[in-house]
Amino acid sequence: MTRKICVITGTRAEYGLLRLLMQAIQDDTTLQLQILVTGAHLSPQFGMTYREIEQDGFQIDRKVEIPLADNSAAGVARSVGHGMIGITGALEDLCPDIVVVLGDRFEILAAASAALILGIPIAHIHGGETTEGAFDEAIRHAVTKMSSLHFVAAEAYRRRVIQLGEHPDRTFLVGGLGVDLISQTPLLDRGAIEAELGFSLGRKSLLVTFHPATLDQGDPADQMKELLAALDELHDTQLVFTMPNADTGSQGIAWQIEDFVASHANARAYASLGAKRYLSCMAQVDGVVGNSSSGLMEAPSLRIATINIGDRQRGRLKAQSVLDCAPERGEIALALSRLYSPQFRQALAHGIENPYGKGGATARIISVLRTQPLENLLKKSFYDLPASIFPDNRPR
């Protein structure tokens, strides 16, 4: 009997990472792929990206709409509730043997909560990571505790999942899925990606992606204002913007990008590029600017520099190609100057080691999904770390 593996996706970026895994599940005769689509995939505001999934040849088994128009904190909290209700009904119908989720977004919290209570084992990808500037940090670790299988991208993350009480025998170091995506996707050359974008990259160019840091006390729009002020000085540089995710405070960022692009001939904005166009564009620009995880996890494999702004990704492993700076126009300008310095460009040319591995994550995950015994998968004992690693804090 084939195992039914339900992959749940809510955003364009998440699907980009999951696509090769979904294809591998579909091609495996011992597994049956189910696809549940929700979140921004079904929103006109975010490009109706479920169409990209269908264009890639996948059949979507269930669509669960979540209201995303209200991106206030209360609105996002309500979206989690709506998502859990809808996903519960979908999982009841699909009856999967395992649910696969990736990352840390609020849609994934809703999906994991539903699967946990329905008694469906969860396989979680990219657990153990830290992003101290966003509430995604807490969601990721919460999903770890709900999950039965863990596929992590680096040894430090494997140790952290075990530190959370998960058993080493169920925690698998597989590497980053984004590295697989780069190695197995035929990227477009410069002329082709410019034709796809309808925009010339010019002599200098940057890819800009900035999302709200949801735990910062200030308005995310204020940070975006600082970034745009720094970019406004780059008169000789072409700027490709991708719009922010459906996070708390994202609308204010989106409005600023739209206003900036409308008044700058050297800038264009795109609701969704899709994984192939996004990575193809990344491969042709001088650097990735903003606070997207792609600048940390995928850009190093392409030898592309990253300017990582603010605290959203604080705590994640970073290659030497990543330049951190505060969300302040002067600091961003200094980082841009360093990115274009001859010394830094020379270091990039000599090669950068990506801390998220050299590929093979998809095959490693498939092997576990195919062979892991399902009996007693839901029952977990808390794995305690050896007492010897703790200091002696007895009262004296």
Protein backbone atom coordinates (compact mmCIF):
# COMPACT_ATOMS: atom_id res chain seq x y z
CA MET A 1 0.00 0.00 0.00
CA THR A 2 1.33 3.41 -0.95
CA ARG A 3 1.85 6.04 1.72
CA LYS A 4 -0.17 9.22 1.30
CA ILE A 5 2.10 12.24 1.82
CA CYS A 6 0.25 15.57 2.06
CA VAL A 7 2.44 18.59 1.34
CA ILE A 8 0.98 21.88 2.61
CA THR A 9 2.13 25.17 1.10
CA GLY A 10 0.98 28.73 1.68
CA THR A 11 3.49 31.02 -0.07
CA ARG A 12 5.48 31.35 -3.29
CA ALA A 13 8.86 31.09 -1.55
CA GLU A 14 7.88 27.99 0.40
CA TYR A 15 6.58 26.26 -2.73
CA GLY A 16 9.80 27.11 -4.55
CA LEU A 17 11.71 25.14 -1.92
CA LEU A 18 9.19 22.28 -1.87
CA ARG A 19 8.76 21.81 -5.62
CA LEU A 20 11.55 19.27 -6.17
CA LEU A 21 10.45 17.29 -3.12
CA MET A 22 6.86 17.26 -4.39
CA GLN A 23 8.06 16.01 -7.76
CA ALA A 24 10.12 13.28 -6.10
CA ILE A 25 7.13 12.15 -4.04
CA GLN A 26 4.96 12.11 -7.16
CA ASP A 27 7.55 10.04 -9.04
CA ASP A 28 8.00 7.49 -6.25
CA THR A 29 5.81 4.41 -6.75
CA THR A 30 5.67 3.75 -3.00
CA LEU A 31 4.31 7.21 -2.20
CA GLN A 32 1.15 9.11 -3.16
CA LEU A 33 1.43 12.89 -3.32
CA GLN A 34 -1.37 15.06 -1.96
CA ILE A 35 -1.18 18.86 -2.23
CA LEU A 36 -3.03 21.27 0.03
CA VAL A 37 -2.71 24.92 -0.98
CA THR A 38 -3.63 27.85 1.25
CA GLY A 39 -2.62 31.38 2.27
CA ALA A 40 -1.12 33.81 -0.22
CA HIS A 41 -1.27 31.25 -3.05
CA LEU A 42 -5.00 31.96 -3.33
CA SER A 43 -4.84 35.76 -2.98
CA PRO A 44 -5.04 38.14 -5.98
CA GLN A 45 -2.98 40.62 -3.93
CA PHE A 46 -0.08 38.15 -3.88
CA GLY A 47 -0.32 36.96 -7.47
CA MET A 48 -2.64 33.90 -7.25
CA THR A 49 0.50 31.76 -7.23
CA TYR A 50 -1.41 28.47 -7.00
CA ARG A 51 -1.42 28.77 -10.81
CA GLU A 52 2.36 28.26 -10.82
CA ILE A 53 1.86 24.97 -8.98
CA GLU A 54 -0.62 23.83 -11.62
CA GLN A 55 1.62 25.06 -14.45
CA ASP A 56 4.37 22.86 -13.05
CA GLY A 57 2.13 19.84 -13.67
CA PHE A 58 0.81 19.21 -10.16
CA GLN A 59 -2.78 18.50 -9.26
CA ILE A 60 -3.93 20.48 -6.24
CA ASP A 61 -6.11 18.25 -4.05
CA ARG A 62 -7.53 20.92 -1.75
CA LYS A 63 -7.57 24.73 -1.64
CA VAL A 64 -8.16 26.39 1.73
CA GLU A 65 -8.71 30.12 1.57
CA ILE A 66 -7.52 32.30 4.43
CA PRO A 67 -8.52 35.99 4.69
CA LEU A 68 -5.38 38.12 4.23
CA ALA A 69 -6.76 41.60 3.57
CA ASP A 70 -6.29 42.65 7.21
CA ASN A 71 -2.57 42.41 7.92
CA SER A 72 -2.79 43.85 11.40
CA ALA A 73 -1.72 41.65 14.31
CA ALA A 74 -5.36 40.88 15.12
CA GLY A 75 -6.09 40.18 11.47
CA VAL A 76 -3.23 37.70 11.18
CA ALA A 77 -4.32 35.99 14.41
CA ARG A 78 -7.82 35.59 12.97
CA SER A 79 -6.29 34.17 9.78
CA VAL A 80 -4.67 31.41 11.84
CA GLY A 81 -8.09 30.49 13.21
CA HIS A 82 -9.69 30.49 9.75
CA GLY A 83 -6.80 28.42 8.44
CA MET A 84 -7.09 25.80 11.15
CA ILE A 85 -10.82 25.37 10.50
CA GLY A 86 -10.39 25.00 6.75
CA ILE A 87 -7.31 22.78 6.90
CA THR A 88 -9.00 20.50 9.44
CA GLY A 89 -11.80 19.78 6.98
CA ALA A 90 -9.37 19.22 4.13
CA LEU A 91 -7.23 16.78 6.12
CA GLU A 92 -10.33 14.89 7.24
CA ASP A 93 -11.16 14.33 3.57
CA LEU A 94 -7.62 13.48 2.42
CA CYS A 95 -6.67 11.17 5.32
CA PRO A 96 -2.90 11.39 4.72
CA ASP A 97 -0.39 9.13 6.45
CA ILE A 98 2.08 12.01 6.91
CA VAL A 99 1.74 15.79 6.58
CA VAL A 100 4.82 17.67 5.32
CA VAL A 101 5.29 21.32 6.28
CA LEU A 102 8.22 23.69 5.86
CA GLY A 103 9.32 26.60 7.97
CA ASP A 104 7.61 28.92 10.33
CA ARG A 105 4.77 30.98 8.88
CA PHE A 106 1.38 31.43 10.52
CA GLU A 107 -0.31 29.28 7.86
CA ILE A 108 2.01 26.45 8.87
CA LEU A 109 1.07 26.94 12.53
CA ALA A 110 -2.58 26.47 11.55
CA ALA A 111 -1.76 23.38 9.48
CA ALA A 112 0.39 21.76 12.15
CA SER A 113 -2.18 22.44 14.87
CA ALA A 114 -4.90 20.78 12.81
CA ALA A 115 -2.76 17.75 11.92
CA LEU A 116 -1.60 17.27 15.52
CA ILE A 117 -5.11 17.17 16.94
CA LEU A 118 -6.34 14.94 14.09
CA GLY A 119 -3.59 12.46 14.94
CA ILE A 120 -1.67 12.79 11.67
CA PRO A 121 2.15 12.60 11.96
CA ILE A 122 3.95 15.76 10.86
CA ALA A 123 7.29 15.93 9.06
CA HIS A 124 8.81 19.38 9.56
CA ILE A 125 11.48 20.83 7.26
CA HIS A 126 13.94 23.58 8.28
CA GLY A 127 13.35 23.36 12.01
CA GLY A 128 15.92 24.36 14.62
CA GLU A 129 16.74 27.67 12.96
CA THR A 130 16.51 31.04 14.70
CA THR A 131 15.09 34.34 13.46
CA GLU A 132 15.04 36.54 16.51
CA GLY A 133 13.37 39.52 14.83
CA ALA A 134 10.08 37.82 13.96
CA PHE A 135 7.38 35.81 15.73
CA ASP A 136 8.18 33.14 13.14
CA GLU A 137 10.87 32.12 15.66
CA ALA A 138 8.26 30.95 18.19
CA ILE A 139 6.09 29.35 15.49
CA ARG A 140 9.01 27.33 14.14
CA HIS A 141 9.88 25.87 17.54
CA ALA A 142 6.20 25.22 18.32
CA VAL A 143 5.83 23.28 15.06
CA THR A 144 8.96 21.31 16.00
CA LYS A 145 7.26 20.14 19.19
CA MET A 146 4.14 19.18 17.22
CA SER A 147 6.13 17.18 14.68
CA SER A 148 7.25 13.55 14.65
CA LEU A 149 9.99 13.80 12.00
CA HIS A 150 12.51 16.60 11.57
CA PHE A 151 14.54 17.45 8.46
CA VAL A 152 17.13 20.09 9.32
CA ALA A 153 19.53 22.08 7.17
CA ALA A 154 22.69 22.17 9.33
CA GLU A 155 24.32 20.39 12.26
CA ALA A 156 23.75 23.37 14.58
CA TYR A 157 20.04 23.15 13.82
CA ARG A 158 20.00 19.40 14.41
CA ARG A 159 21.46 19.96 17.87
CA ARG A 160 18.89 22.64 18.61
CA VAL A 161 15.96 20.40 17.69
CA ILE A 162 17.37 17.72 20.00
CA GLN A 163 17.80 20.39 22.68
CA LEU A 164 14.03 20.96 22.38
CA GLY A 165 13.53 17.36 23.48
CA GLU A 166 13.20 15.66 20.09
CA HIS A 167 14.84 12.26 19.69
CA PRO A 168 18.04 12.10 17.61
CA ASP A 169 16.70 9.05 15.75
CA ARG A 170 13.91 11.19 14.33
CA THR A 171 16.06 14.24 13.55
CA PHE A 172 17.74 14.06 10.14
CA LEU A 173 20.47 16.36 8.84
CA VAL A 174 19.58 16.75 5.16
CA GLY A 175 20.84 20.21 4.15
CA GLY A 176 18.95 23.09 2.60
CA LEU A 177 16.29 22.44 -0.04
CA GLY A 178 17.23 25.71 -1.71
CA VAL A 179 20.67 24.32 -2.57
CA ASP A 180 18.98 21.44 -4.41
CA LEU A 181 16.77 23.91 -6.23
CA ILE A 182 19.77 25.85 -7.52
CA SER A 183 21.68 22.76 -8.64
CA GLN A 184 18.69 21.17 -10.39
CA THR A 185 17.01 24.20 -11.96
CA PRO A 186 18.20 25.30 -15.43
CA LEU A 187 18.51 29.03 -14.79
CA LEU A 188 17.83 31.63 -17.45
CA ASP A 189 20.78 33.57 -18.86
CA ARG A 190 20.94 37.34 -18.63
CA GLY A 191 19.15 38.05 -21.90
CA ALA A 192 16.39 35.56 -21.14
CA ILE A 193 15.71 36.84 -17.62
CA GLU A 194 15.66 40.43 -18.86
CA ALA A 195 13.09 39.41 -21.46
CA GLU A 196 11.02 37.65 -18.78
CA LEU A 197 11.18 40.70 -16.53
CA GLY A 198 10.65 43.20 -19.32
CA PHE A 199 13.44 45.16 -17.66
CA SER A 200 17.14 45.67 -18.32
CA LEU A 201 19.52 44.84 -15.48
CA GLY A 202 22.17 47.28 -16.68
CA ARG A 203 25.81 47.49 -15.60
CA LYS A 204 24.88 47.39 -11.90
CA SER A 205 21.79 45.73 -10.45
CA LEU A 206 20.34 44.59 -7.13
CA LEU A 207 17.50 42.26 -6.10
CA VAL A 208 15.53 43.77 -3.20
CA THR A 209 13.23 41.79 -0.90
CA PHE A 210 12.17 43.25 2.44
CA HIS A 211 9.61 41.75 4.86
CA PRO A 212 8.30 43.05 8.21
CA ALA A 213 10.35 42.12 11.27
CA THR A 214 7.24 41.27 13.28
CA LEU A 215 8.82 41.47 16.73
CA ASP A 216 10.30 44.94 16.26
CA GLN A 217 8.47 47.60 18.25
CA GLY A 218 8.66 50.17 15.46
CA ASP A 219 6.58 50.36 12.30
CA PRO A 220 8.05 48.14 9.52
CA ALA A 221 7.23 50.94 7.11
CA ASP A 222 9.80 53.14 8.87
CA GLN A 223 12.54 50.61 8.17
CA MET A 224 11.45 50.39 4.55
CA LYS A 225 11.67 54.17 4.34
CA GLU A 226 15.31 54.00 5.43
CA LEU A 227 16.09 51.31 2.86
CA LEU A 228 14.46 53.27 0.05
CA ALA A 229 16.33 56.41 1.07
CA ALA A 230 19.62 54.53 0.64
CA LEU A 231 18.53 53.02 -2.69
CA ASP A 232 17.43 56.44 -3.92
CA GLU A 233 21.10 57.43 -4.13
CA LEU A 234 21.94 54.61 -6.57
CA HIS A 235 21.26 56.42 -9.82
CA ASP A 236 23.44 54.02 -11.83
CA THR A 237 21.90 50.82 -10.45
CA GLN A 238 18.88 48.86 -11.66
CA LEU A 239 16.61 47.68 -8.85
CA VAL A 240 14.36 44.61 -8.98
CA PHE A 241 11.85 44.51 -6.08
CA THR A 242 9.82 41.50 -5.02
CA MET A 243 6.82 42.33 -2.87
CA PRO A 244 6.65 41.33 0.82
CA ASN A 245 4.87 38.29 2.23
CA ALA A 246 1.44 38.44 3.87
CA ASP A 247 2.84 39.38 7.28
CA THR A 248 1.80 41.86 9.94
CA GLY A 249 2.62 45.31 8.56
CA SER A 250 3.36 44.18 5.00
CA GLN A 251 0.86 46.52 3.35
CA GLY A 252 2.74 49.64 4.42
CA ILE A 253 5.92 48.24 2.84
CA ALA A 254 4.09 47.33 -0.37
CA TRP A 255 2.66 50.84 -0.74
CA GLN A 256 6.11 52.40 -0.38
CA ILE A 257 7.59 50.08 -3.01
CA GLU A 258 4.79 50.94 -5.43
CA ASP A 259 5.35 54.69 -4.91
CA PHE A 260 9.12 54.32 -5.30
CA VAL A 261 8.87 52.31 -8.50
CA ALA A 262 6.36 54.77 -9.96
CA SER A 263 8.88 57.60 -9.61
CA HIS A 264 12.11 55.74 -10.50
CA ALA A 265 12.80 54.54 -14.03
CA ASN A 266 15.59 52.29 -12.72
CA ALA A 267 13.21 50.20 -10.57
CA ARG A 268 10.55 47.55 -11.15
CA ALA A 269 8.42 45.57 -8.70
CA TYR A 270 6.92 42.06 -9.08
CA ALA A 271 4.25 40.39 -6.96
CA SER A 272 5.78 36.98 -7.68
CA LEU A 273 8.65 35.91 -9.90
CA GLY A 274 8.37 32.19 -9.25
CA ALA A 275 11.39 30.15 -8.17
CA LYS A 276 13.06 29.83 -11.57
CA ARG A 277 12.85 33.52 -12.47
CA TYR A 278 13.75 34.58 -8.92
CA LEU A 279 16.90 32.44 -8.81
CA SER A 280 17.77 33.38 -12.41
CA CYS A 281 17.52 37.04 -11.46
CA MET A 282 19.56 36.43 -8.30
CA ALA A 283 22.30 34.80 -10.37
CA GLN A 284 22.60 37.90 -12.59
CA VAL A 285 22.56 40.73 -10.04
CA ASP A 286 25.40 42.09 -7.92
CA GLY A 287 23.67 41.41 -4.65
CA VAL A 288 20.51 40.63 -2.70
CA VAL A 289 19.34 43.43 -0.40
CA GLY A 290 16.75 43.17 2.37
CA ASN A 291 15.96 40.56 5.00
CA SER A 292 14.79 37.49 3.10
CA SER A 293 16.10 34.06 4.08
CA SER A 294 16.99 33.48 0.41
CA GLY A 295 19.88 35.90 0.79
CA LEU A 296 21.34 33.66 3.48
CA MET A 297 20.39 30.19 2.26
CA GLU A 298 20.48 30.33 -1.55
CA ALA A 299 22.57 33.35 -2.61
CA PRO A 300 25.88 31.94 -1.28
CA SER A 301 25.58 28.93 -3.61
CA LEU A 302 25.45 31.35 -6.54
CA ARG A 303 28.40 33.40 -5.20
CA ILE A 304 26.09 36.38 -4.85
CA ALA A 305 26.52 38.90 -2.05
CA THR A 306 23.79 39.70 0.47
CA ILE A 307 23.07 42.79 2.52
CA ASN A 308 21.02 41.52 5.45
CA ILE A 309 19.16 44.39 7.11
CA GLY A 310 17.96 44.43 10.70
CA ASP A 311 17.04 41.62 13.08
CA ARG A 312 14.58 39.51 11.08
CA GLN A 313 17.20 36.84 10.29
CA ARG A 314 19.29 37.33 13.43
CA GLY A 315 20.58 33.98 14.68
CA ARG A 316 20.67 32.13 11.34
CA LEU A 317 23.91 30.65 10.04
CA LYS A 318 25.52 32.98 7.50
CA ALA A 319 28.19 32.65 4.84
CA GLN A 320 31.00 35.19 4.48
CA SER A 321 29.09 36.69 1.54
CA VAL A 322 26.48 38.13 3.94
CA LEU A 323 26.91 41.71 5.18
CA ASP A 324 24.79 42.62 8.20
CA CYS A 325 23.65 46.17 8.85
CA ALA A 326 21.11 48.12 10.86
CA PRO A 327 17.86 49.33 9.22
CA GLU A 328 19.21 52.86 8.92
CA ARG A 329 20.01 54.63 5.65
CA GLY A 330 23.61 55.47 6.56
CA GLU A 331 24.39 51.90 7.63
CA ILE A 332 22.73 50.52 4.49
CA ALA A 333 24.75 52.92 2.33
CA LEU A 334 27.98 51.75 3.97
CA ALA A 335 27.03 48.12 3.34
CA LEU A 336 26.30 48.91 -0.31
CA SER A 337 29.68 50.59 -0.62
CA ARG A 338 31.39 47.51 0.82
CA LEU A 339 29.40 45.19 -1.45
CA TYR A 340 30.84 46.97 -4.49
CA SER A 341 34.38 47.24 -3.11
CA PRO A 342 37.09 45.45 -5.16
CA GLN A 343 38.25 43.46 -2.13
CA PHE A 344 34.79 42.08 -1.43
CA ARG A 345 34.10 41.30 -5.09
CA GLN A 346 37.41 39.43 -5.27
CA ALA A 347 36.51 37.36 -2.20
CA LEU A 348 33.21 36.36 -3.84
CA ALA A 349 35.01 35.30 -7.00
CA HIS A 350 37.21 32.90 -5.04
CA GLY A 351 34.16 31.04 -3.79
CA ILE A 352 31.94 31.03 -0.73
CA GLU A 353 31.03 28.01 1.39
CA ASN A 354 27.29 27.75 1.91
CA PRO A 355 26.57 26.61 5.51
CA TYR A 356 23.40 24.90 4.21
CA GLY A 357 25.32 22.21 2.36
CA LYS A 358 26.06 21.18 -1.21
CA GLY A 359 22.78 19.49 -2.14
CA GLY A 360 21.02 16.17 -1.75
CA ALA A 361 18.31 17.22 0.72
CA THR A 362 15.45 16.02 -1.47
CA ALA A 363 16.78 12.47 -1.83
CA ARG A 364 17.51 12.22 1.90
CA ILE A 365 13.98 13.32 2.82
CA ILE A 366 12.39 10.92 0.33
CA SER A 367 14.37 8.03 1.79
CA VAL A 368 12.97 8.71 5.26
CA LEU A 369 9.39 9.30 4.06
CA ARG A 370 9.54 5.98 2.22
CA THR A 371 11.02 3.82 4.98
CA GLN A 372 10.21 5.35 8.38
CA PRO A 373 7.87 3.02 10.32
CA LEU A 374 4.49 4.67 10.93
CA GLU A 375 3.63 2.64 14.00
CA ASN A 376 3.83 4.71 17.19
CA LEU A 377 5.12 7.70 15.21
CA LEU A 378 2.79 10.02 17.10
CA LYS A 379 3.99 8.90 20.51
CA LYS A 380 7.11 10.76 21.61
CA SER A 381 9.13 10.67 24.78
CA PHE A 382 10.97 13.84 25.73
CA TYR A 383 14.65 13.34 24.97
CA ASP A 384 16.65 14.74 27.88
CA LEU A 385 20.17 15.99 27.32
CA PRO A 386 22.89 14.42 29.47
CA ALA A 387 22.99 15.94 32.94
CA SER A 388 26.75 16.38 32.62
CA ILE A 389 26.34 19.33 30.25
CA PHE A 390 24.47 21.40 32.83
CA PRO A 391 26.18 23.40 35.59
CA ASP A 392 25.59 22.35 39.18
CA ASN A 393 23.01 24.89 40.38
CA ARG A 394 22.04 23.24 43.65
CA PRO A 395 21.41 25.63 46.54
CA ARG A 396 24.45 26.00 48.74
